[in-house]
């Protein structure tokens, strides 16, 4: 080999070495995928070696400097070209996942994935792919999406042994991980043990009066608007955002009181949109500030980070005397005897802001969007909640499926058709291969399950595209109806499910049970179902456009108007 290299002229020598380096690098990167800084370090080191080798060999003349620079540049171009071609050929023709069906472009890169995710419609793209290719689809170079009834529980259900994947590598600005971004099962179990203390039955009973008080404020605002067309989506956002502020940090934002959105609400959506880029292309996470992206989105993402830190600082100063979610996070862990580090608490503050506001708001919007188009279902719901209110003050903690079957059926059906977080969840088994119902899953394969696709699969739910609250009531469900509760996972499933699901259910039950007893909502003059559906976007949590509804009185005290 050495004699061959010596026989070549410098350009042929660089061509050969760059080709060999590209092929060798690909083999190394397959096993040890580099960060962007690691890759650039390898690339520029190889170029530097090429330059110095030729510069030393040919002397320090100006001609040698120019020649060595050109050879180093040539090395870089050939190296990148060979590396790229090698990656493409391997992923298309030799990769262990090559036998799984899927789009050809997805086999090569996840750039298309990042583009579709940023647009907010990736969950629909995955749904279309399953309909075209089947239960298992290759959606990325190392990525498989599943929707088979037997496969799903082994990926993100209670029986799963998988951990979270690279999607949960965290924020480039964070010094620690929130509970959302903890990937390892043991660490996540320890963090969740602390979080779960904030969502016990006794904790919910402490929160309930504060939710009731906030709903009275919403009721007052609705009473003042009787006979008017309102944007219902605004008011559910005001309610959920204020509830998150009160129950998470000890004070609300005055959105219900003032009837105007808080300036930080938009920051959440921008931050989630920014996150949708780096979770799909992890290598670009640490250069995201330098990418040709919307400057406003970058600025508002940073403002969201600052907002989360501000909320944490204000809440920390109050200590643990007030019963709210953060009082449990700040307290000493009874099992370990320790306390959560401040860096982790700061990141958990941001998790509370996102999970505690948009998701509940959208679920309420989805429920009313469906109800105003289904008069018979709406009448059944009003009849049930009127009877419940006749028994005394509405208490969300006592409105389970046995006490309020139709109310819970409406909520479940809204969550089924429009899950607040519809993106596929990612799981991986790490360095070990995995047998999933007879299918070999190679090491480092990312496995995905879409709650949206599961819930609209006829194998799981008959007449899956229709709004049928009765399907959730055993005595009312039509005969021979497919009804697979394991496919209903709006809050996730297994170890990594949503910590705040019980609080979300409490807020949904109490909001609907209280306000739909006092008021009736019908389609407003500007209500257009197709416009509503077209406006839906998701970059982590679902975001809707306006929902114009006409507000009329039912059981509200007229003297309060």
Protein backbone atom coordinates (compact mmCIF):
# COMPACT_ATOMS: atom_id res chain seq x y z
CA UNK A 1 0.00 0.00 0.00
CA UNK A 2 2.85 2.36 0.89
CA UNK A 3 4.62 1.61 -2.43
CA UNK A 4 1.35 2.27 -4.28
CA UNK A 5 0.90 5.63 -2.60
CA UNK A 6 4.47 6.65 -3.37
CA UNK A 7 3.90 5.81 -7.05
CA UNK A 8 0.91 8.12 -7.29
CA UNK A 9 1.02 11.84 -7.92
CA UNK A 10 -0.21 14.00 -4.98
CA UNK A 11 -3.72 14.41 -6.39
CA UNK A 12 -4.21 10.69 -6.91
CA UNK A 13 -2.76 10.06 -3.46
CA UNK A 14 -5.24 12.46 -1.83
CA UNK A 15 -8.08 10.94 -3.83
CA UNK A 16 -7.19 7.45 -2.59
CA UNK A 17 -6.67 8.50 1.03
CA UNK A 18 -9.89 10.53 1.11
CA UNK A 19 -11.83 7.58 -0.29
CA UNK A 20 -10.38 5.20 2.29
CA UNK A 21 -10.93 7.74 5.10
CA UNK A 22 -14.56 8.26 4.05
CA UNK A 23 -15.29 4.53 4.04
CA UNK A 24 -13.51 3.93 7.36
CA UNK A 25 -15.24 6.91 8.98
CA UNK A 26 -18.63 5.57 7.96
CA UNK A 27 -17.91 2.28 9.69
CA UNK A 28 -16.84 4.12 12.82
CA UNK A 29 -19.82 6.48 12.79
CA UNK A 30 -22.21 3.53 12.46
CA UNK A 31 -21.11 2.29 15.87
CA UNK A 32 -20.31 5.61 17.54
CA UNK A 33 -22.51 8.31 16.03
CA UNK A 34 -20.67 11.61 16.55
CA UNK A 35 -21.99 14.92 17.73
CA UNK A 36 -21.68 17.84 15.32
CA UNK A 37 -18.57 19.02 17.18
CA UNK A 38 -17.12 15.50 17.12
CA UNK A 39 -17.68 15.15 13.39
CA UNK A 40 -16.21 18.55 12.64
CA UNK A 41 -13.22 17.66 14.81
CA UNK A 42 -12.57 14.51 12.77
CA UNK A 43 -13.14 16.30 9.45
CA UNK A 44 -10.85 19.26 10.09
CA UNK A 45 -8.19 17.07 11.70
CA UNK A 46 -8.01 14.94 8.55
CA UNK A 47 -7.79 18.06 6.41
CA UNK A 48 -5.05 19.47 8.62
CA UNK A 49 -3.06 16.24 8.36
CA UNK A 50 -3.40 16.30 4.58
CA UNK A 51 -2.24 19.91 4.42
CA UNK A 52 0.76 19.39 6.74
CA UNK A 53 1.83 16.19 5.01
CA UNK A 54 2.07 17.89 1.63
CA UNK A 55 3.44 21.18 2.98
CA UNK A 56 6.28 19.44 4.82
CA UNK A 57 7.02 17.19 1.87
CA UNK A 58 7.20 20.02 -0.69
CA UNK A 59 8.88 22.70 1.41
CA UNK A 60 7.66 26.06 2.67
CA UNK A 61 7.50 27.96 -0.62
CA UNK A 62 4.40 30.00 -1.60
CA UNK A 63 3.73 27.47 -4.34
CA UNK A 64 3.79 24.66 -1.79
CA UNK A 65 1.38 26.58 0.44
CA UNK A 66 -1.11 27.00 -2.41
CA UNK A 67 -0.71 23.39 -3.56
CA UNK A 68 -1.14 22.01 -0.03
CA UNK A 69 -4.25 24.14 0.53
CA UNK A 70 -5.81 22.90 -2.71
CA UNK A 71 -4.99 19.29 -1.83
CA UNK A 72 -6.56 19.71 1.63
CA UNK A 73 -9.69 21.21 0.05
CA UNK A 74 -9.80 18.37 -2.47
CA UNK A 75 -9.48 15.87 0.36
CA UNK A 76 -12.44 17.46 2.16
CA UNK A 77 -14.69 17.40 -0.90
CA UNK A 78 -13.85 13.78 -1.80
CA UNK A 79 -14.09 12.66 1.83
CA UNK A 80 -17.56 14.15 2.26
CA UNK A 81 -18.70 12.78 -1.08
CA UNK A 82 -17.51 9.25 -0.36
CA UNK A 83 -18.90 9.37 3.17
CA UNK A 84 -22.27 10.54 1.87
CA UNK A 85 -22.44 7.95 -0.92
CA UNK A 86 -21.39 5.19 1.46
CA UNK A 87 -24.11 6.19 3.94
CA UNK A 88 -26.80 6.31 1.26
CA UNK A 89 -25.85 2.93 -0.27
CA UNK A 90 -25.65 1.29 3.13
CA UNK A 91 -28.99 2.64 4.35
CA UNK A 92 -30.81 1.70 1.16
CA UNK A 93 -29.28 -1.69 0.28
CA UNK A 94 -27.39 -3.13 3.27
CA UNK A 95 -29.01 -1.74 6.43
CA UNK A 96 -30.64 -4.35 8.76
CA UNK A 97 -33.95 -2.49 8.33
CA UNK A 98 -33.82 -2.59 4.52
CA UNK A 99 -36.55 -5.25 4.31
CA UNK A 100 -39.16 -3.11 6.06
CA UNK A 101 -41.43 -1.09 3.75
CA UNK A 102 -41.48 2.69 3.73
CA UNK A 103 -40.71 5.79 1.65
CA UNK A 104 -37.35 5.68 -0.11
CA UNK A 105 -36.29 9.12 1.08
CA UNK A 106 -36.97 8.17 4.71
CA UNK A 107 -34.43 5.35 4.42
CA UNK A 108 -31.70 7.88 3.73
CA UNK A 109 -32.36 10.80 6.06
CA UNK A 110 -34.75 12.31 8.61
CA UNK A 111 -34.55 15.76 7.05
CA UNK A 112 -37.98 15.25 5.50
CA UNK A 113 -39.23 14.20 8.94
CA UNK A 114 -37.94 17.44 10.49
CA UNK A 115 -39.59 19.47 7.73
CA UNK A 116 -42.97 17.78 8.17
CA UNK A 117 -42.75 18.00 11.96
CA UNK A 118 -42.06 21.71 11.86
CA UNK A 119 -45.18 22.16 9.73
CA UNK A 120 -47.22 20.54 12.48
CA UNK A 121 -48.68 17.67 10.43
CA UNK A 122 -46.24 14.84 11.00
CA UNK A 123 -48.79 12.75 12.91
CA UNK A 124 -51.01 12.81 9.79
CA UNK A 125 -48.04 11.80 7.64
CA UNK A 126 -47.38 8.77 9.87
CA UNK A 127 -51.07 7.85 9.71
CA UNK A 128 -50.98 7.93 5.89
CA UNK A 129 -47.82 5.80 5.83
CA UNK A 130 -49.44 3.10 7.96
CA UNK A 131 -52.45 3.03 5.66
CA UNK A 132 -50.16 2.64 2.66
CA UNK A 133 -47.44 0.31 3.96
CA UNK A 134 -49.02 -1.60 6.87
CA UNK A 135 -48.43 -2.11 10.59
CA UNK A 136 -44.63 -1.70 10.51
CA UNK A 137 -43.15 1.14 8.45
CA UNK A 138 -39.56 2.29 8.12
CA UNK A 139 -39.86 6.03 8.69
CA UNK A 140 -36.17 6.87 9.10
CA UNK A 141 -32.70 5.34 8.65
CA UNK A 142 -32.91 3.65 12.07
CA UNK A 143 -36.61 4.18 12.72
CA UNK A 144 -39.68 1.93 12.63
CA UNK A 145 -43.28 3.00 13.27
CA UNK A 146 -45.71 0.41 14.64
CA UNK A 147 -49.50 0.28 14.87
CA UNK A 148 -50.12 -3.47 15.29
CA UNK A 149 -52.37 -4.33 18.22
CA UNK A 150 -49.89 -6.91 19.56
CA UNK A 151 -46.79 -4.78 19.01
CA UNK A 152 -47.83 -1.56 20.76
CA UNK A 153 -47.92 -2.83 24.39
CA UNK A 154 -44.35 -4.14 24.02
CA UNK A 155 -43.09 -0.74 22.88
CA UNK A 156 -44.72 1.83 25.15
CA UNK A 157 -47.12 -0.19 27.29
CA UNK A 158 -46.79 -1.59 30.81
CA UNK A 159 -44.95 -4.67 29.47
CA UNK A 160 -42.34 -2.62 27.61
CA UNK A 161 -38.69 -2.86 28.61
CA UNK A 162 -37.66 -0.06 26.27
CA UNK A 163 -36.33 3.37 27.24
CA UNK A 164 -36.82 6.76 25.63
CA UNK A 165 -34.69 7.51 22.59
CA UNK A 166 -32.71 10.43 21.18
CA UNK A 167 -35.85 12.59 20.98
CA UNK A 168 -35.44 13.09 24.71
CA UNK A 169 -31.84 14.32 24.70
CA UNK A 170 -33.01 17.62 26.18
CA UNK A 171 -32.62 21.29 25.41
CA UNK A 172 -29.32 22.81 24.22
CA UNK A 173 -29.80 25.58 26.80
CA UNK A 174 -30.49 23.31 29.76
CA UNK A 175 -27.99 22.30 32.44
CA UNK A 176 -30.16 19.36 33.49
CA UNK A 177 -33.13 17.33 32.27
CA UNK A 178 -36.75 17.77 33.18
CA UNK A 179 -38.65 14.62 34.09
CA UNK A 180 -39.97 14.64 30.51
CA UNK A 181 -36.45 14.22 29.11
CA UNK A 182 -35.20 11.54 31.51
CA UNK A 183 -34.54 8.52 29.31
CA UNK A 184 -33.25 5.79 31.61
CA UNK A 185 -35.96 3.73 33.27
CA UNK A 186 -34.47 3.62 36.79
CA UNK A 187 -33.80 7.36 36.93
CA UNK A 188 -37.22 8.15 35.50
CA UNK A 189 -38.90 5.91 38.07
CA UNK A 190 -37.12 7.80 40.88
CA UNK A 191 -38.10 11.22 39.50
CA UNK A 192 -41.69 10.16 38.91
CA UNK A 193 -41.97 8.94 42.50
CA UNK A 194 -41.53 12.56 43.59
CA UNK A 195 -43.80 13.97 40.90
CA UNK A 196 -46.60 11.51 41.63
CA UNK A 197 -46.99 12.94 45.13
CA UNK A 198 -48.45 16.04 43.52
CA UNK A 199 -51.25 14.08 41.84
CA UNK A 200 -52.56 11.79 44.57
CA UNK A 201 -56.24 11.78 45.52
CA UNK A 202 -55.56 13.93 48.57
CA UNK A 203 -53.56 16.42 46.46
CA UNK A 204 -56.38 16.68 43.91
CA UNK A 205 -58.88 17.34 46.68
CA UNK A 206 -56.72 20.28 47.77
CA UNK A 207 -56.60 21.64 44.22
CA UNK A 208 -60.31 21.26 43.55
CA UNK A 209 -61.54 24.40 45.41
CA UNK A 210 -59.07 26.52 43.47
CA UNK A 211 -60.32 25.09 40.16
CA UNK A 212 -63.86 25.82 41.31
CA UNK A 213 -62.93 29.41 42.10
CA UNK A 214 -61.36 29.86 38.67
CA UNK A 215 -64.43 28.39 36.99
CA UNK A 216 -66.61 30.90 38.82
CA UNK A 217 -64.48 33.63 37.26
CA UNK A 218 -64.97 32.06 33.83
CA UNK A 219 -68.70 31.82 34.50
CA UNK A 220 -68.84 35.53 35.35
CA UNK A 221 -67.11 36.37 32.07
CA UNK A 222 -69.50 34.14 30.10
CA UNK A 223 -72.52 35.67 31.87
CA UNK A 224 -71.41 39.09 30.69
CA UNK A 225 -71.29 37.76 27.11
CA UNK A 226 -74.64 35.95 26.88
CA UNK A 227 -76.06 36.20 23.38
CA UNK A 228 -72.65 36.92 21.88
CA UNK A 229 -70.34 34.86 19.68
CA UNK A 230 -67.14 34.07 21.56
CA UNK A 231 -63.90 32.39 20.58
CA UNK A 232 -64.21 29.38 22.85
CA UNK A 233 -60.57 28.41 22.19
CA UNK A 234 -59.41 31.66 23.81
CA UNK A 235 -61.36 31.04 27.00
CA UNK A 236 -60.23 27.44 27.43
CA UNK A 237 -56.69 28.70 27.00
CA UNK A 238 -57.23 31.42 29.61
CA UNK A 239 -58.66 28.85 32.03
CA UNK A 240 -55.99 26.18 31.58
CA UNK A 241 -53.12 28.67 31.63
CA UNK A 242 -54.39 30.28 34.83
CA UNK A 243 -55.02 26.87 36.39
CA UNK A 244 -51.45 25.86 35.55
CA UNK A 245 -50.11 29.05 37.11
CA UNK A 246 -52.11 28.61 40.29
CA UNK A 247 -51.70 24.87 40.82
CA UNK A 248 -48.13 24.74 39.55
CA UNK A 249 -46.56 27.93 40.90
CA UNK A 250 -48.94 29.47 43.41
CA UNK A 251 -50.53 32.28 41.39
CA UNK A 252 -52.38 32.63 38.12
CA UNK A 253 -51.71 35.03 35.25
CA UNK A 254 -54.98 36.97 35.34
CA UNK A 255 -55.96 35.77 31.88
CA UNK A 256 -59.52 34.85 32.88
CA UNK A 257 -59.94 38.03 34.92
CA UNK A 258 -58.70 40.31 32.16
CA UNK A 259 -59.98 38.31 29.20
CA UNK A 260 -56.73 38.68 27.28
CA UNK A 261 -53.90 36.20 26.57
CA UNK A 262 -50.63 36.29 28.46
CA UNK A 263 -47.66 37.29 26.32
CA UNK A 264 -45.81 34.10 27.23
CA UNK A 265 -48.44 31.82 25.71
CA UNK A 266 -47.00 32.41 22.24
CA UNK A 267 -43.52 31.65 23.57
CA UNK A 268 -44.59 28.10 24.39
CA UNK A 269 -45.65 27.40 20.81
CA UNK A 270 -42.46 28.88 19.39
CA UNK A 271 -40.33 26.88 21.83
CA UNK A 272 -42.10 23.66 20.85
CA UNK A 273 -41.65 24.44 17.18
CA UNK A 274 -37.94 25.02 17.72
CA UNK A 275 -37.71 21.76 19.67
CA UNK A 276 -39.32 19.87 16.78
CA UNK A 277 -36.19 20.59 14.73
CA UNK A 278 -33.52 19.29 17.07
CA UNK A 279 -35.38 16.22 18.36
CA UNK A 280 -35.43 14.83 14.81
CA UNK A 281 -31.94 16.02 13.87
CA UNK A 282 -30.03 15.73 17.19
CA UNK A 283 -26.72 16.57 15.54
CA UNK A 284 -27.91 20.13 14.88
CA UNK A 285 -29.05 20.82 18.45
CA UNK A 286 -25.95 22.74 19.51
CA UNK A 287 -25.79 24.86 16.36
CA UNK A 288 -29.50 25.65 16.28
CA UNK A 289 -28.78 29.34 16.93
CA UNK A 290 -26.78 29.50 13.72
CA UNK A 291 -29.24 27.70 11.45
CA UNK A 292 -31.17 29.73 8.83
CA UNK A 293 -34.39 29.73 10.83
CA UNK A 294 -36.96 32.29 11.90
CA UNK A 295 -35.17 34.77 14.20
CA UNK A 296 -38.41 35.52 16.02
CA UNK A 297 -38.79 31.83 16.84
CA UNK A 298 -35.26 31.73 18.27
CA UNK A 299 -35.86 34.84 20.36
CA UNK A 300 -39.20 33.69 21.71
CA UNK A 301 -37.78 30.26 22.55
CA UNK A 302 -35.15 31.95 24.71
CA UNK A 303 -37.85 34.10 26.29
CA UNK A 304 -39.75 30.95 27.19
CA UNK A 305 -36.62 29.61 28.89
CA UNK A 306 -36.31 32.88 30.82
CA UNK A 307 -40.01 32.75 31.69
CA UNK A 308 -39.66 29.25 33.14
CA UNK A 309 -36.70 30.37 35.25
CA UNK A 310 -38.65 33.40 36.49
CA UNK A 311 -41.60 31.23 37.53
CA UNK A 312 -39.28 28.86 39.34
CA UNK A 313 -37.48 31.64 41.22
CA UNK A 314 -40.78 33.19 42.33
CA UNK A 315 -42.19 29.84 43.44
CA UNK A 316 -39.02 28.75 45.25
CA UNK A 317 -39.15 31.91 47.37
CA UNK A 318 -42.54 30.84 48.75
CA UNK A 319 -41.24 27.55 50.15
CA UNK A 320 -43.42 24.50 50.72
CA UNK A 321 -46.19 25.98 52.87
CA UNK A 322 -48.71 26.29 50.02
CA UNK A 323 -50.17 23.06 48.65
CA UNK A 324 -49.46 22.92 44.91
CA UNK A 325 -47.49 20.75 42.51
CA UNK A 326 -44.20 22.49 43.20
CA UNK A 327 -44.53 22.09 46.96
CA UNK A 328 -44.07 18.36 46.41
CA UNK A 329 -41.11 18.85 44.08
CA UNK A 330 -39.39 21.15 46.58
CA UNK A 331 -40.00 18.85 49.54
CA UNK A 332 -37.65 16.15 50.80
CA UNK A 333 -38.11 12.78 49.14
CA UNK A 334 -39.40 10.42 51.83
CA UNK A 335 -37.79 7.33 50.30
CA UNK A 336 -34.29 8.62 49.51
CA UNK A 337 -34.14 11.43 52.06
CA UNK A 338 -32.74 13.79 49.47
CA UNK A 339 -34.04 16.77 47.53
CA UNK A 340 -34.11 17.44 43.82
CA UNK A 341 -31.18 19.58 42.55
CA UNK A 342 -32.11 23.13 41.60
CA UNK A 343 -31.07 22.62 37.97
CA UNK A 344 -33.60 19.77 37.63
CA UNK A 345 -36.30 21.81 39.35
CA UNK A 346 -35.78 24.65 36.88
CA UNK A 347 -36.34 22.29 33.96
CA UNK A 348 -39.37 20.74 35.65
CA UNK A 349 -40.87 24.23 35.91
CA UNK A 350 -40.86 24.45 32.12
CA UNK A 351 -42.42 20.97 31.87
CA UNK A 352 -45.30 22.11 34.10
CA UNK A 353 -45.90 25.19 31.94
CA UNK A 354 -46.16 23.16 28.72
CA UNK A 355 -47.96 20.07 29.99
CA UNK A 356 -50.31 21.97 32.27
CA UNK A 357 -51.69 24.52 29.82
CA UNK A 358 -52.02 23.65 26.13
CA UNK A 359 -53.09 20.02 26.53
CA UNK A 360 -56.13 20.67 28.75
CA UNK A 361 -57.14 23.68 26.69
CA UNK A 362 -57.14 21.74 23.43
CA UNK A 363 -59.05 18.79 24.90
CA UNK A 364 -61.86 21.18 25.91
CA UNK A 365 -61.86 22.75 22.46
CA UNK A 366 -62.03 19.32 20.80
CA UNK A 367 -64.94 18.28 23.03
CA UNK A 368 -67.04 21.35 22.16
CA UNK A 369 -66.10 21.16 18.48
CA UNK A 370 -67.57 17.66 18.40
CA UNK A 371 -70.58 18.37 20.63
CA UNK A 372 -71.92 21.34 18.65
CA UNK A 373 -72.01 19.11 15.57
CA UNK A 374 -73.77 16.25 17.38
CA UNK A 375 -76.99 17.58 18.85
CA UNK A 376 -78.19 14.25 20.23
CA UNK A 377 -74.95 13.64 22.12
CA UNK A 378 -75.00 17.21 23.43
CA UNK A 379 -78.53 16.77 24.78
CA UNK A 380 -77.60 13.52 26.54
CA UNK A 381 -74.63 15.24 28.16
CA UNK A 382 -76.71 18.20 29.34
CA UNK A 383 -79.29 15.86 30.83
CA UNK A 384 -76.65 13.99 32.81
CA UNK A 385 -74.80 17.04 34.13
CA UNK A 386 -78.07 18.77 35.02
CA UNK A 387 -78.96 15.77 37.19
CA UNK A 388 -75.50 15.82 38.78
CA UNK A 389 -75.72 19.55 39.55
CA UNK A 390 -79.15 19.05 41.11
CA UNK A 391 -77.52 16.90 43.79
CA UNK A 392 -75.29 19.71 45.00
CA UNK A 393 -72.09 21.60 44.12
CA UNK A 394 -70.13 20.08 41.25
CA UNK A 395 -67.02 18.21 42.41
CA UNK A 396 -64.68 16.92 39.73
CA UNK A 397 -63.06 14.37 42.06
CA UNK A 398 -66.39 12.50 42.34
CA UNK A 399 -67.20 12.47 38.61
CA UNK A 400 -65.74 9.11 37.66
CA UNK A 401 -67.20 6.80 34.97
CA UNK A 402 -69.65 5.25 37.43
CA UNK A 403 -71.08 8.59 38.59
CA UNK A 404 -70.95 10.40 35.23
CA UNK A 405 -70.68 7.80 32.45
CA UNK A 406 -71.72 10.04 29.56
CA UNK A 407 -69.55 12.96 30.67
CA UNK A 408 -66.53 10.65 30.77
CA UNK A 409 -67.59 9.11 27.47
CA UNK A 410 -67.60 12.54 25.82
CA UNK A 411 -64.18 13.37 27.26
CA UNK A 412 -62.67 10.03 26.22
CA UNK A 413 -64.14 10.28 22.75
CA UNK A 414 -62.74 13.79 22.28
CA UNK A 415 -59.32 12.58 23.46
CA UNK A 416 -59.54 9.57 21.16
CA UNK A 417 -60.34 11.55 18.02
CA UNK A 418 -58.08 14.48 18.88
CA UNK A 419 -55.26 13.47 21.25
CA UNK A 420 -53.60 16.62 22.65
CA UNK A 421 -50.14 15.19 21.91
CA UNK A 422 -50.55 13.17 18.67
CA UNK A 423 -46.88 12.81 17.64
CA UNK A 424 -45.46 9.27 17.67
CA UNK A 425 -43.66 8.42 20.92
CA UNK A 426 -40.12 7.12 20.56
CA UNK A 427 -38.64 4.12 22.38
CA UNK A 428 -35.40 2.17 21.96
CA UNK A 429 -33.81 -0.96 23.36
CA UNK A 430 -30.32 0.53 23.06
CA UNK A 431 -27.30 -1.56 22.13
CA UNK A 432 -29.03 -4.93 22.30
CA UNK A 433 -31.16 -6.54 19.58
CA UNK A 434 -34.80 -7.11 20.44
CA UNK A 435 -37.35 -9.68 19.29
CA UNK A 436 -40.77 -8.05 18.95
CA UNK A 437 -43.47 -10.61 18.16
CA UNK A 438 -41.12 -12.52 15.88
CA UNK A 439 -39.57 -9.44 14.25
CA UNK A 440 -35.87 -8.82 14.88
CA UNK A 441 -35.28 -5.24 15.93
CA UNK A 442 -31.57 -4.41 15.44
CA UNK A 443 -29.57 -2.49 18.08
CA UNK A 444 -30.11 1.29 18.24
CA UNK A 445 -33.41 1.08 16.37
CA UNK A 446 -35.95 3.71 17.33
CA UNK A 447 -39.51 2.37 17.62
CA UNK A 448 -42.54 4.66 17.40
CA UNK A 449 -46.23 4.41 18.25
CA UNK A 450 -48.78 7.05 17.21
CA UNK A 451 -51.75 7.51 19.55
CA UNK A 452 -53.59 9.23 16.69
CA UNK A 453 -53.25 6.25 14.35
CA UNK A 454 -54.13 3.71 17.04
CA UNK A 455 -57.32 5.55 17.97
CA UNK A 456 -58.54 5.78 14.37
CA UNK A 457 -57.85 2.16 13.44
CA UNK A 458 -61.05 0.17 12.77
CA UNK A 459 -59.43 -2.90 14.32
CA UNK A 460 -59.37 -1.04 17.63
CA UNK A 461 -62.54 1.04 17.39
CA UNK A 462 -65.49 0.40 15.10
CA UNK A 463 -66.64 3.45 13.14
CA UNK A 464 -63.38 4.99 14.28
CA UNK A 465 -63.87 8.31 12.51
CA UNK A 466 -67.22 8.96 14.19
CA UNK A 467 -67.96 10.68 17.50
CA UNK A 468 -69.77 8.05 19.57
CA UNK A 469 -69.50 8.65 23.35
CA UNK A 470 -71.66 5.55 23.95
CA UNK A 471 -68.74 3.34 22.95
CA UNK A 472 -67.21 4.07 26.39
CA UNK A 473 -70.30 2.87 28.28
CA UNK A 474 -70.52 -0.90 28.53
CA UNK A 475 -74.32 -0.99 28.66
CA UNK A 476 -74.73 1.46 25.76
CA UNK A 477 -72.04 0.25 23.40
CA UNK A 478 -73.43 -1.23 20.16
CA UNK A 479 -73.05 -4.98 19.84
CA UNK A 480 -70.02 -6.38 18.01
CA UNK A 481 -68.25 -3.02 18.32
CA UNK A 482 -64.47 -3.21 18.35
CA UNK A 483 -63.35 -1.47 21.51
CA UNK A 484 -59.69 -1.95 22.41
CA UNK A 485 -58.94 0.17 25.48
CA UNK A 486 -55.23 -0.63 25.15
CA UNK A 487 -55.26 1.44 21.95
CA UNK A 488 -56.56 4.49 23.84
CA UNK A 489 -53.39 6.20 25.08
CA UNK A 490 -53.92 10.00 25.01
CA UNK A 491 -51.78 10.31 28.15
CA UNK A 492 -49.23 7.72 27.14
CA UNK A 493 -48.87 4.27 28.65
CA UNK A 494 -46.50 2.34 30.85
CA UNK A 495 -43.62 3.77 32.86
CA UNK A 496 -43.37 6.99 30.85
CA UNK A 497 -47.05 7.96 30.90
CA UNK A 498 -48.19 11.50 31.73
CA UNK A 499 -47.72 12.35 35.41
CA UNK A 500 -50.51 14.94 35.38
CA UNK A 501 -53.22 12.86 33.73
CA UNK A 502 -55.39 12.74 36.89
CA UNK A 503 -55.29 16.53 37.22
CA UNK A 504 -56.12 16.95 33.53
CA UNK A 505 -59.13 14.65 33.93
CA UNK A 506 -60.24 16.60 37.00
CA UNK A 507 -60.09 19.92 35.13
CA UNK A 508 -61.92 18.51 32.10
CA UNK A 509 -64.72 16.98 34.17
CA UNK A 510 -65.16 20.04 36.35
CA UNK A 511 -65.09 22.53 33.46
CA UNK A 512 -67.64 20.66 31.35
CA UNK A 513 -69.78 19.62 34.30
CA UNK A 514 -70.00 23.17 35.60
CA UNK A 515 -70.13 25.45 32.57
CA UNK A 516 -72.25 23.30 30.24
CA UNK A 517 -74.85 23.19 33.01
CA UNK A 518 -74.97 26.98 33.18
CA UNK A 519 -74.53 27.81 29.49
CA UNK A 520 -75.30 26.36 26.10
CA UNK A 521 -72.87 26.61 23.19
CA UNK A 522 -73.86 26.35 19.55
CA UNK A 523 -72.10 26.89 16.25
CA UNK A 524 -71.49 30.58 15.71
CA UNK A 525 -71.95 32.47 12.47
CA UNK A 526 -68.25 32.05 11.66
CA UNK A 527 -68.07 28.39 12.66
CA UNK A 528 -66.57 26.27 9.87
CA UNK A 529 -65.57 22.67 10.68
CA UNK A 530 -63.19 22.39 7.74
CA UNK A 531 -61.40 25.61 8.66
CA UNK A 532 -61.01 24.32 12.21
CA UNK A 533 -59.53 21.01 11.05
CA UNK A 534 -57.21 22.72 8.57
CA UNK A 535 -55.83 24.99 11.30
CA UNK A 536 -54.77 22.14 13.60
CA UNK A 537 -51.03 21.94 14.19
CA UNK A 538 -48.88 19.92 16.54
CA UNK A 539 -45.25 20.41 17.49
CA UNK A 540 -45.47 18.42 20.69
CA UNK A 541 -48.91 19.56 21.79
CA UNK A 542 -51.90 20.22 19.56
CA UNK A 543 -52.68 23.83 18.69
CA UNK A 544 -56.01 24.88 17.24
CA UNK A 545 -57.31 27.96 15.52
CA UNK A 546 -60.42 29.80 16.67
CA UNK A 547 -63.65 28.06 17.66
CA UNK A 548 -66.48 30.64 17.26
CA UNK A 549 -69.47 29.59 19.37
CA UNK A 550 -72.71 31.35 20.25
CA UNK A 551 -73.19 31.60 24.01
CA UNK A 552 -76.67 31.37 25.58
CA UNK A 553 -77.86 30.98 29.19
CA UNK A 554 -79.21 27.76 30.69
CA UNK A 555 -78.95 27.71 34.49
CA UNK A 556 -77.02 30.89 35.20
CA UNK A 557 -78.36 33.52 37.56
CA UNK A 558 -79.64 36.32 35.35
CA UNK A 559 -79.16 38.95 38.01
CA UNK A 560 -75.43 38.37 37.65
CA UNK A 561 -75.61 39.50 34.04
